[in-house]
PDB file of all heavy atoms in Angstrom:
ATOM      1  N   VAL A   1       0.849  -1.179  -0.001  1.00  0.00           N
ATOM      2  CA  VAL A   1       0.002  -0.002  -0.001  1.00  0.00           C
ATOM      3  C   VAL A   1       0.888   1.234   0.001  1.00  0.00           C
ATOM      4  O   VAL A   1       1.735   1.405   0.885  1.00  0.00           O
ATOM      5  CB  VAL A   1      -0.926   0.034   1.240  1.00  0.00           C
ATOM      6  CG1 VAL A   1      -1.782   1.309   1.211  1.00  0.00           C
ATOM      7  CG2 VAL A   1      -1.814  -1.201   1.274  1.00  0.00           C
ATOM      8  N   VAL A   2       0.711   2.096  -0.996  1.00  0.00           N
ATOM      9  CA  VAL A   2       1.424   3.377  -1.060  1.00  0.00           C
ATOM     10  C   VAL A   2       0.433   4.463  -0.650  1.00  0.00           C
ATOM     11  O   VAL A   2      -0.673   4.535  -1.173  1.00  0.00           O
ATOM     12  CB  VAL A   2       1.963   3.663  -2.468  1.00  0.00           C
ATOM     13  CG1 VAL A   2       2.619   5.049  -2.530  1.00  0.00           C
ATOM     14  CG2 VAL A   2       2.960   2.587  -2.885  1.00  0.00           C
ATOM     15  N   ILE A   3       0.831   5.285   0.298  1.00  0.00           N
ATOM     16  CA  ILE A   3      -0.052   6.353   0.817  1.00  0.00           C
ATOM     17  C   ILE A   3       0.590   7.706   0.536  1.00  0.00           C
ATOM     18  O   ILE A   3       1.745   7.970   0.934  1.00  0.00           O
ATOM     19  CB  ILE A   3      -0.267   6.174   2.336  1.00  0.00           C
ATOM     20  CG1 ILE A   3      -0.948   4.823   2.633  1.00  0.00           C
ATOM     21  CG2 ILE A   3      -1.139   7.307   2.874  1.00  0.00           C
ATOM     22  CD1 ILE A   3      -1.138   4.558   4.103  1.00  0.00           C
ATOM     23  N   LEU A   4      -0.169   8.568  -0.128  1.00  0.00           N
ATOM     24  CA  LEU A   4       0.260   9.945  -0.403  1.00  0.00           C
ATOM     25  C   LEU A   4      -0.376  10.880   0.609  1.00  0.00           C
ATOM     26  O   LEU A   4      -1.613  10.950   0.709  1.00  0.00           O
ATOM     27  CB  LEU A   4      -0.115  10.375  -1.816  1.00  0.00           C
ATOM     28  CG  LEU A   4       0.285   9.465  -2.979  1.00  0.00           C
ATOM     29  CD1 LEU A   4      -0.162  10.088  -4.296  1.00  0.00           C
ATOM     30  CD2 LEU A   4       1.758   9.210  -2.962  1.00  0.00           C
ATOM     31  N   CYS A   5       0.435  11.558   1.388  1.00  0.00           N
ATOM     32  CA  CYS A   5      -0.067  12.459   2.398  1.00  0.00           C
ATOM     33  C   CYS A   5      -0.218  13.867   1.802  1.00  0.00           C
ATOM     34  O   CYS A   5       0.769  14.521   1.462  1.00  0.00           O
ATOM     35  CB  CYS A   5       0.901  12.539   3.585  1.00  0.00           C
ATOM     36  SG  CYS A   5       1.074  10.976   4.481  1.00  0.00           S
ATOM     37  N   GLY A   6      -1.464  14.301   1.673  1.00  0.00           N
ATOM     38  CA  GLY A   6      -1.706  15.640   1.192  1.00  0.00           C
ATOM     39  C   GLY A   6      -1.293  16.708   2.191  1.00  0.00           C
ATOM     40  O   GLY A   6      -1.161  16.426   3.377  1.00  0.00           O
ATOM     41  N   ARG A   7      -1.085  17.908   1.734  1.00  0.00           N
ATOM     42  CA  ARG A   7      -0.733  19.074   2.548  1.00  0.00           C
ATOM     43  C   ARG A   7      -1.290  20.318   1.908  1.00  0.00           C
ATOM     44  O   ARG A   7      -1.657  20.322   0.731  1.00  0.00           O
ATOM     45  CB  ARG A   7       0.781  19.215   2.719  1.00  0.00           C
ATOM     46  CG  ARG A   7       1.346  18.394   3.874  1.00  0.00           C
ATOM     47  CD  ARG A   7       1.238  19.140   5.164  1.00  0.00           C
ATOM     48  NE  ARG A   7       1.278  18.224   6.339  1.00  0.00           N
ATOM     49  CZ  ARG A   7       1.195  18.618   7.593  1.00  0.00           C
ATOM     50  NH1 ARG A   7       1.014  19.907   7.849  1.00  0.00           N
ATOM     51  NH2 ARG A   7       1.216  17.782   8.584  1.00  0.00           N
ATOM     52  N   TYR A   8      -1.303  21.397   2.704  1.00  0.00           N
ATOM     53  CA  TYR A   8      -1.761  22.698   2.192  1.00  0.00           C
ATOM     54  C   TYR A   8      -3.185  22.559   1.660  1.00  0.00           C
ATOM     55  O   TYR A   8      -4.063  22.007   2.317  1.00  0.00           O
ATOM     56  CB  TYR A   8      -0.786  23.244   1.165  1.00  0.00           C
ATOM     57  CG  TYR A   8       0.671  23.149   1.571  1.00  0.00           C
ATOM     58  CD1 TYR A   8       1.584  22.446   0.816  1.00  0.00           C
ATOM     59  CD2 TYR A   8       1.063  23.716   2.778  1.00  0.00           C
ATOM     60  CE1 TYR A   8       2.924  22.373   1.222  1.00  0.00           C
ATOM     61  CE2 TYR A   8       2.403  23.636   3.194  1.00  0.00           C
ATOM     62  CZ  TYR A   8       3.315  22.956   2.416  1.00  0.00           C
ATOM     63  OH  TYR A   8       4.600  22.839   2.810  1.00  0.00           O
ATOM     64  N   GLU A   9      -3.460  23.061   0.423  1.00  0.00           N
ATOM     65  CA  GLU A   9      -4.768  22.963  -0.164  1.00  0.00           C
ATOM     66  C   GLU A   9      -5.001  21.619  -0.850  1.00  0.00           C
ATOM     67  O   GLU A   9      -6.098  21.372  -1.381  1.00  0.00           O
ATOM     68  CB  GLU A   9      -5.002  24.089  -1.171  1.00  0.00           C
ATOM     69  CG  GLU A   9      -5.069  25.467  -0.535  1.00  0.00           C
ATOM     70  CD  GLU A   9      -6.191  25.572   0.471  1.00  0.00           C
ATOM     71  OE1 GLU A   9      -7.344  25.228   0.136  1.00  0.00           O
ATOM     72  OE2 GLU A   9      -5.911  25.946   1.626  1.00  0.00           O
ATOM     73  N   GLY A  10      -3.978  20.758  -0.866  1.00  0.00           N
ATOM     74  CA  GLY A  10      -4.102  19.454  -1.503  1.00  0.00           C
ATOM     75  C   GLY A  10      -2.993  19.249  -2.526  1.00  0.00           C
ATOM     76  O   GLY A  10      -1.975  19.947  -2.502  1.00  0.00           O
ATOM     77  N   ILE A  11      -3.183  18.268  -3.418  1.00  0.00           N
ATOM     78  CA  ILE A  11      -2.189  17.998  -4.441  1.00  0.00           C
ATOM     79  C   ILE A  11      -2.777  18.305  -5.795  1.00  0.00           C
ATOM     80  O   ILE A  11      -3.983  18.391  -5.985  1.00  0.00           O
ATOM     81  CB  ILE A  11      -1.727  16.519  -4.395  1.00  0.00           C
ATOM     82  CG1 ILE A  11      -2.816  15.590  -4.942  1.00  0.00           C
ATOM     83  CG2 ILE A  11      -1.306  16.092  -3.009  1.00  0.00           C
ATOM     84  CD1 ILE A  11      -2.353  14.211  -5.229  1.00  0.00           C
ATOM     85  N   ASP A  12      -1.907  18.461  -6.761  1.00  0.00           N
ATOM     86  CA  ASP A  12      -2.340  18.660  -8.146  1.00  0.00           C
ATOM     87  C   ASP A  12      -3.185  17.466  -8.557  1.00  0.00           C
ATOM     88  O   ASP A  12      -2.807  16.321  -8.464  1.00  0.00           O
ATOM     89  CB  ASP A  12      -1.103  18.778  -9.050  1.00  0.00           C
ATOM     90  CG  ASP A  12      -1.445  19.209 -10.460  1.00  0.00           C
ATOM     91  OD1 ASP A  12      -2.183  18.480 -11.119  1.00  0.00           O
ATOM     92  OD2 ASP A  12      -0.943  20.270 -10.920  1.00  0.00           O
ATOM     93  N   GLU A  13      -4.426  17.756  -9.033  1.00  0.00           N
ATOM     94  CA  GLU A  13      -5.396  16.688  -9.329  1.00  0.00           C
ATOM     95  C   GLU A  13      -4.895  15.720 -10.378  1.00  0.00           C
ATOM     96  O   GLU A  13      -5.298  14.561 -10.443  1.00  0.00           O
ATOM     97  CB  GLU A  13      -6.725  17.310  -9.773  1.00  0.00           C
ATOM     98  CG  GLU A  13      -7.835  16.306 -10.003  1.00  0.00           C
ATOM     99  CD  GLU A  13      -8.247  15.559  -8.755  1.00  0.00           C
ATOM    100  OE1 GLU A  13      -7.954  16.036  -7.605  1.00  0.00           O
ATOM    101  OE2 GLU A  13      -8.880  14.482  -8.881  1.00  0.00           O
ATOM    102  N   ARG A  14      -3.976  16.151 -11.227  1.00  0.00           N
ATOM    103  CA  ARG A  14      -3.457  15.255 -12.256  1.00  0.00           C
ATOM    104  C   ARG A  14      -2.712  14.070 -11.673  1.00  0.00           C
ATOM    105  O   ARG A  14      -2.733  12.969 -12.234  1.00  0.00           O
ATOM    106  CB  ARG A  14      -2.562  16.050 -13.235  1.00  0.00           C
ATOM    107  CG  ARG A  14      -3.344  17.041 -14.107  1.00  0.00           C
ATOM    108  CD  ARG A  14      -2.461  17.977 -14.820  1.00  0.00           C
ATOM    109  NE  ARG A  14      -1.770  18.902 -13.903  1.00  0.00           N
ATOM    110  CZ  ARG A  14      -0.994  19.920 -14.283  1.00  0.00           C
ATOM    111  NH1 ARG A  14      -0.822  20.160 -15.583  1.00  0.00           N
ATOM    112  NH2 ARG A  14      -0.432  20.710 -13.403  1.00  0.00           N
ATOM    113  N   VAL A  15      -2.059  14.278 -10.523  1.00  0.00           N
ATOM    114  CA  VAL A  15      -1.393  13.194  -9.833  1.00  0.00           C
ATOM    115  C   VAL A  15      -2.423  12.163  -9.362  1.00  0.00           C
ATOM    116  O   VAL A  15      -2.217  10.951  -9.477  1.00  0.00           O
ATOM    117  CB  VAL A  15      -0.569  13.707  -8.647  1.00  0.00           C
ATOM    118  CG1 VAL A  15       0.025  12.560  -7.853  1.00  0.00           C
ATOM    119  CG2 VAL A  15       0.537  14.620  -9.146  1.00  0.00           C
ATOM    120  N   ASN A  16      -3.519  12.660  -8.819  1.00  0.00           N
ATOM    121  CA  ASN A  16      -4.590  11.770  -8.388  1.00  0.00           C
ATOM    122  C   ASN A  16      -5.088  10.927  -9.553  1.00  0.00           C
ATOM    123  O   ASN A  16      -5.241   9.717  -9.451  1.00  0.00           O
ATOM    124  CB  ASN A  16      -5.725  12.603  -7.785  1.00  0.00           C
ATOM    125  CG  ASN A  16      -6.819  11.751  -7.159  1.00  0.00           C
ATOM    126  OD1 ASN A  16      -6.647  10.569  -6.897  1.00  0.00           O
ATOM    127  ND2 ASN A  16      -7.957  12.392  -6.901  1.00  0.00           N
ATOM    128  N   GLU A  17      -5.347  11.554 -10.671  1.00  0.00           N
ATOM    129  CA  GLU A  17      -5.882  10.871 -11.844  1.00  0.00           C
ATOM    130  C   GLU A  17      -4.881   9.872 -12.414  1.00  0.00           C
ATOM    131  O   GLU A  17      -5.262   8.762 -12.848  1.00  0.00           O
ATOM    132  CB  GLU A  17      -6.277  11.883 -12.898  1.00  0.00           C
ATOM    133  CG  GLU A  17      -7.415  12.799 -12.479  1.00  0.00           C
ATOM    134  CD  GLU A  17      -7.651  13.924 -13.463  1.00  0.00           C
ATOM    135  OE1 GLU A  17      -6.849  14.028 -14.432  1.00  0.00           O
ATOM    136  OE2 GLU A  17      -8.617  14.701 -13.290  1.00  0.00           O
ATOM    137  N   MET A  18      -3.603  10.223 -12.452  1.00  0.00           N
ATOM    138  CA  MET A  18      -2.594   9.396 -13.070  1.00  0.00           C
ATOM    139  C   MET A  18      -2.129   8.235 -12.210  1.00  0.00           C
ATOM    140  O   MET A  18      -1.815   7.153 -12.718  1.00  0.00           O
ATOM    141  CB  MET A  18      -1.403  10.240 -13.484  1.00  0.00           C
ATOM    142  CG  MET A  18      -1.694  11.282 -14.534  1.00  0.00           C
ATOM    143  SD  MET A  18      -0.314  12.456 -14.768  1.00  0.00           S
ATOM    144  CE  MET A  18       0.962  11.334 -15.379  1.00  0.00           C
ATOM    145  N   LEU A  19      -2.041   8.471 -10.893  1.00  0.00           N
ATOM    146  CA  LEU A  19      -1.337   7.518 -10.039  1.00  0.00           C
ATOM    147  C   LEU A  19      -2.220   6.789  -9.016  1.00  0.00           C
ATOM    148  O   LEU A  19      -1.895   5.679  -8.605  1.00  0.00           O
ATOM    149  CB  LEU A  19      -0.230   8.223  -9.280  1.00  0.00           C
ATOM    150  CG  LEU A  19       0.881   8.873 -10.109  1.00  0.00           C
ATOM    151  CD1 LEU A  19       1.856   9.605  -9.172  1.00  0.00           C
ATOM    152  CD2 LEU A  19       1.624   7.816 -10.914  1.00  0.00           C
ATOM    153  N   CYS A  20      -3.307   7.414  -8.566  1.00  0.00           N
ATOM    154  CA  CYS A  20      -3.996   6.904  -7.390  1.00  0.00           C
ATOM    155  C   CYS A  20      -5.185   5.999  -7.765  1.00  0.00           C
ATOM    156  O   CYS A  20      -5.876   6.236  -8.714  1.00  0.00           O
ATOM    157  CB  CYS A  20      -4.500   8.057  -6.514  1.00  0.00           C
ATOM    158  SG  CYS A  20      -3.169   9.131  -5.950  1.00  0.00           S
ATOM    159  N   ASP A  21      -5.368   4.980  -6.951  1.00  0.00           N
ATOM    160  CA  ASP A  21      -6.470   4.040  -7.141  1.00  0.00           C
ATOM    161  C   ASP A  21      -7.711   4.517  -6.369  1.00  0.00           C
ATOM    162  O   ASP A  21      -8.846   4.188  -6.767  1.00  0.00           O
ATOM    163  CB  ASP A  21      -6.087   2.656  -6.653  1.00  0.00           C
ATOM    164  CG  ASP A  21      -4.889   2.114  -7.412  1.00  0.00           C
ATOM    165  OD1 ASP A  21      -4.966   2.035  -8.665  1.00  0.00           O
ATOM    166  OD2 ASP A  21      -3.861   1.810  -6.791  1.00  0.00           O
ATOM    167  N   ARG A  22      -7.504   5.191  -5.276  1.00  0.00           N
ATOM    168  CA  ARG A  22      -8.631   5.699  -4.491  1.00  0.00           C
ATOM    169  C   ARG A  22      -8.193   6.890  -3.639  1.00  0.00           C
ATOM    170  O   ARG A  22      -7.007   7.072  -3.371  1.00  0.00           O
ATOM    171  CB  ARG A  22      -9.196   4.590  -3.582  1.00  0.00           C
ATOM    172  CG  ARG A  22      -8.233   4.059  -2.551  1.00  0.00           C
ATOM    173  CD  ARG A  22      -8.905   3.073  -1.611  1.00  0.00           C
ATOM    174  NE  ARG A  22      -9.285   1.852  -2.294  1.00  0.00           N
ATOM    175  CZ  ARG A  22     -10.026   0.898  -1.738  1.00  0.00           C
ATOM    176  NH1 ARG A  22     -10.488   1.056  -0.501  1.00  0.00           N
ATOM    177  NH2 ARG A  22     -10.303  -0.206  -2.376  1.00  0.00           N
ATOM    178  N   GLU A  23      -9.179   7.655  -3.258  1.00  0.00           N
ATOM    179  CA  GLU A  23      -8.994   8.847  -2.428  1.00  0.00           C
ATOM    180  C   GLU A  23      -9.757   8.628  -1.144  1.00  0.00           C
ATOM    181  O   GLU A  23     -10.944   8.300  -1.159  1.00  0.00           O
ATOM    182  CB  GLU A  23      -9.536  10.067  -3.174  1.00  0.00           C
ATOM    183  CG  GLU A  23      -9.123  11.415  -2.617  1.00  0.00           C
ATOM    184  CD  GLU A  23      -9.573  12.527  -3.546  1.00  0.00           C
ATOM    185  OE1 GLU A  23     -10.126  12.253  -4.634  1.00  0.00           O
ATOM    186  OE2 GLU A  23      -9.374  13.707  -3.172  1.00  0.00           O
ATOM    187  N   ILE A  24      -9.089   8.759   0.017  1.00  0.00           N
ATOM    188  CA  ILE A  24      -9.696   8.376   1.285  1.00  0.00           C
ATOM    189  C   ILE A  24      -9.608   9.535   2.265  1.00  0.00           C
ATOM    190  O   ILE A  24      -8.621  10.265   2.335  1.00  0.00           O
ATOM    191  CB  ILE A  24      -8.967   7.155   1.885  1.00  0.00           C
ATOM    192  CG1 ILE A  24      -9.252   5.912   1.017  1.00  0.00           C
ATOM    193  CG2 ILE A  24      -9.407   6.877   3.305  1.00  0.00           C
ATOM    194  CD1 ILE A  24      -8.528   4.672   1.492  1.00  0.00           C
ATOM    195  N   SER A  25     -10.692   9.672   3.038  1.00  0.00           N
ATOM    196  CA  SER A  25     -10.756  10.623   4.173  1.00  0.00           C
ATOM    197  C   SER A  25     -11.062   9.827   5.421  1.00  0.00           C
ATOM    198  O   SER A  25     -11.839   8.880   5.397  1.00  0.00           O
ATOM    199  CB  SER A  25     -11.854  11.678   3.925  1.00  0.00           C
ATOM    200  OG  SER A  25     -12.127  12.375   5.105  1.00  0.00           O
ATOM    201  N   ILE A  26     -10.456  10.192   6.549  1.00  0.00           N
ATOM    202  CA  ILE A  26     -10.758   9.490   7.784  1.00  0.00           C
ATOM    203  C   ILE A  26     -11.895  10.146   8.579  1.00  0.00           C
ATOM    204  O   ILE A  26     -12.227   9.680   9.671  1.00  0.00           O
ATOM    205  CB  ILE A  26      -9.508   9.333   8.680  1.00  0.00           C
ATOM    206  CG1 ILE A  26      -8.991  10.692   9.147  1.00  0.00           C
ATOM    207  CG2 ILE A  26      -8.420   8.529   7.986  1.00  0.00           C
ATOM    208  CD1 ILE A  26      -7.979  10.596  10.298  1.00  0.00           C
ATOM    209  N   GLY A  27     -12.489  11.203   8.049  1.00  0.00           N
ATOM    210  CA  GLY A  27     -13.602  11.812   8.780  1.00  0.00           C
ATOM    211  C   GLY A  27     -14.021  13.130   8.172  1.00  0.00           C
ATOM    212  O   GLY A  27     -13.277  13.732   7.356  1.00  0.00           O
ATOM    213  N   ASP A  28     -15.156  13.603   8.576  1.00  0.00           N
ATOM    214  CA  ASP A  28     -15.676  14.880   8.053  1.00  0.00           C
ATOM    215  C   ASP A  28     -15.132  16.058   8.816  1.00  0.00           C
ATOM    216  O   ASP A  28     -15.843  16.766   9.530  1.00  0.00           O
ATOM    217  CB  ASP A  28     -17.211  14.860   8.127  1.00  0.00           C
ATOM    218  CG  ASP A  28     -17.811  13.845   7.190  1.00  0.00           C
ATOM    219  OD1 ASP A  28     -17.138  13.418   6.233  1.00  0.00           O
ATOM    220  OD2 ASP A  28     -18.994  13.449   7.400  1.00  0.00           O
ATOM    221  N   TYR A  29     -13.833  16.234   8.688  1.00  0.00           N
ATOM    222  CA  TYR A  29     -13.145  17.374   9.274  1.00  0.00           C
ATOM    223  C   TYR A  29     -11.855  17.537   8.483  1.00  0.00           C
ATOM    224  O   TYR A  29     -11.457  16.677   7.685  1.00  0.00           O
ATOM    225  CB  TYR A  29     -12.839  17.144  10.754  1.00  0.00           C
ATOM    226  CG  TYR A  29     -12.299  15.755  11.042  1.00  0.00           C
ATOM    227  CD1 TYR A  29     -10.951  15.467  10.927  1.00  0.00           C
ATOM    228  CD2 TYR A  29     -13.153  14.736  11.463  1.00  0.00           C
ATOM    229  CE1 TYR A  29     -10.440  14.209  11.188  1.00  0.00           C
ATOM    230  CE2 TYR A  29     -12.668  13.487  11.732  1.00  0.00           C
ATOM    231  CZ  TYR A  29     -11.331  13.218  11.602  1.00  0.00           C
ATOM    232  OH  TYR A  29     -10.834  11.977  11.856  1.00  0.00           O
ATOM    233  N   VAL A  30     -11.175  18.669   8.680  1.00  0.00           N
ATOM    234  CA  VAL A  30      -9.973  18.971   7.903  1.00  0.00           C
ATOM    235  C   VAL A  30      -8.759  18.942   8.835  1.00  0.00           C
ATOM    236  O   VAL A  30      -8.763  19.607   9.890  1.00  0.00           O
ATOM    237  CB  VAL A  30     -10.098  20.342   7.214  1.00  0.00           C
ATOM    238  CG1 VAL A  30      -8.806  20.682   6.452  1.00  0.00           C
ATOM    239  CG2 VAL A  30     -11.280  20.384   6.285  1.00  0.00           C
ATOM    240  N   LEU A  31      -7.750  18.180   8.438  1.00  0.00           N
ATOM    241  CA  LEU A  31      -6.466  18.121   9.154  1.00  0.00           C
ATOM    242  C   LEU A  31      -5.450  19.005   8.445  1.00  0.00           C
ATOM    243  O   LEU A  31      -5.644  19.375   7.294  1.00  0.00           O
ATOM    244  CB  LEU A  31      -5.960  16.693   9.219  1.00  0.00           C
ATOM    245  CG  LEU A  31      -6.844  15.669   9.951  1.00  0.00           C
ATOM    246  CD1 LEU A  31      -6.315  14.253   9.730  1.00  0.00           C
ATOM    247  CD2 LEU A  31      -6.891  15.999  11.442  1.00  0.00           C
ATOM    248  N   SER A  32      -4.359  19.287   9.135  1.00  0.00           N
ATOM    249  CA  SER A  32      -3.286  20.070   8.541  1.00  0.00           C
ATOM    250  C   SER A  32      -2.592  19.313   7.433  1.00  0.00           C
ATOM    251  O   SER A  32      -1.971  19.914   6.547  1.00  0.00           O
ATOM    252  CB  SER A  32      -2.297  20.512   9.598  1.00  0.00           C
ATOM    253  OG  SER A  32      -2.899  21.312  10.583  1.00  0.00           O
ATOM    254  N   GLY A  33      -2.648  17.998   7.490  1.00  0.00           N
ATOM    255  CA  GLY A  33      -2.008  17.170   6.479  1.00  0.00           C
ATOM    256  C   GLY A  33      -2.426  15.739   6.642  1.00  0.00           C
ATOM    257  O   GLY A  33      -3.130  15.356   7.591  1.00  0.00           O
ATOM    258  N   GLY A  34      -1.960  14.874   5.732  1.00  0.00           N
ATOM    259  CA  GLY A  34      -2.393  13.499   5.721  1.00  0.00           C
ATOM    260  C   GLY A  34      -1.617  12.581   6.645  1.00  0.00           C
ATOM    261  O   GLY A  34      -1.937  11.368   6.732  1.00  0.00           O
ATOM    262  N   GLU A  35      -0.634  13.108   7.359  1.00  0.00           N
ATOM    263  CA  GLU A  35       0.209  12.230   8.171  1.00  0.00           C
ATOM    264  C   GLU A  35      -0.565  11.543   9.295  1.00  0.00           C
ATOM    265  O   GLU A  35      -0.419  10.330   9.527  1.00  0.00           O
ATOM    266  CB  GLU A  35       1.377  13.016   8.768  1.00  0.00           C
ATOM    267  CG  GLU A  35       2.467  13.382   7.761  1.00  0.00           C
ATOM    268  CD  GLU A  35       2.079  14.496   6.810  1.00  0.00           C
ATOM    269  OE1 GLU A  35       1.120  15.243   7.092  1.00  0.00           O
ATOM    270  OE2 GLU A  35       2.700  14.602   5.710  1.00  0.00           O
ATOM    271  N   LEU A  36      -1.385  12.295   9.999  1.00  0.00           N
ATOM    272  CA  LEU A  36      -2.231  11.691  11.058  1.00  0.00           C
ATOM    273  C   LEU A  36      -3.145  10.620  10.476  1.00  0.00           C
ATOM    274  O   LEU A  36      -3.328   9.543  11.032  1.00  0.00           O
ATOM    275  CB  LEU A  36      -3.023  12.745  11.784  1.00  0.00           C
ATOM    276  CG  LEU A  36      -2.273  13.559  12.853  1.00  0.00           C
ATOM    277  CD1 LEU A  36      -3.123  14.771  13.267  1.00  0.00           C
ATOM    278  CD2 LEU A  36      -1.963  12.704  14.064  1.00  0.00           C
TER     279      LEU A  36
END
């Protein structure tokens, strides 16, 4: 499993389209980044 940790406003959507199989959120709130 490869996990990309987003930061700031997020990542360039083209990376999501080209590389990622799924986009996951751990809850209905906003964190400073994907590390947690």
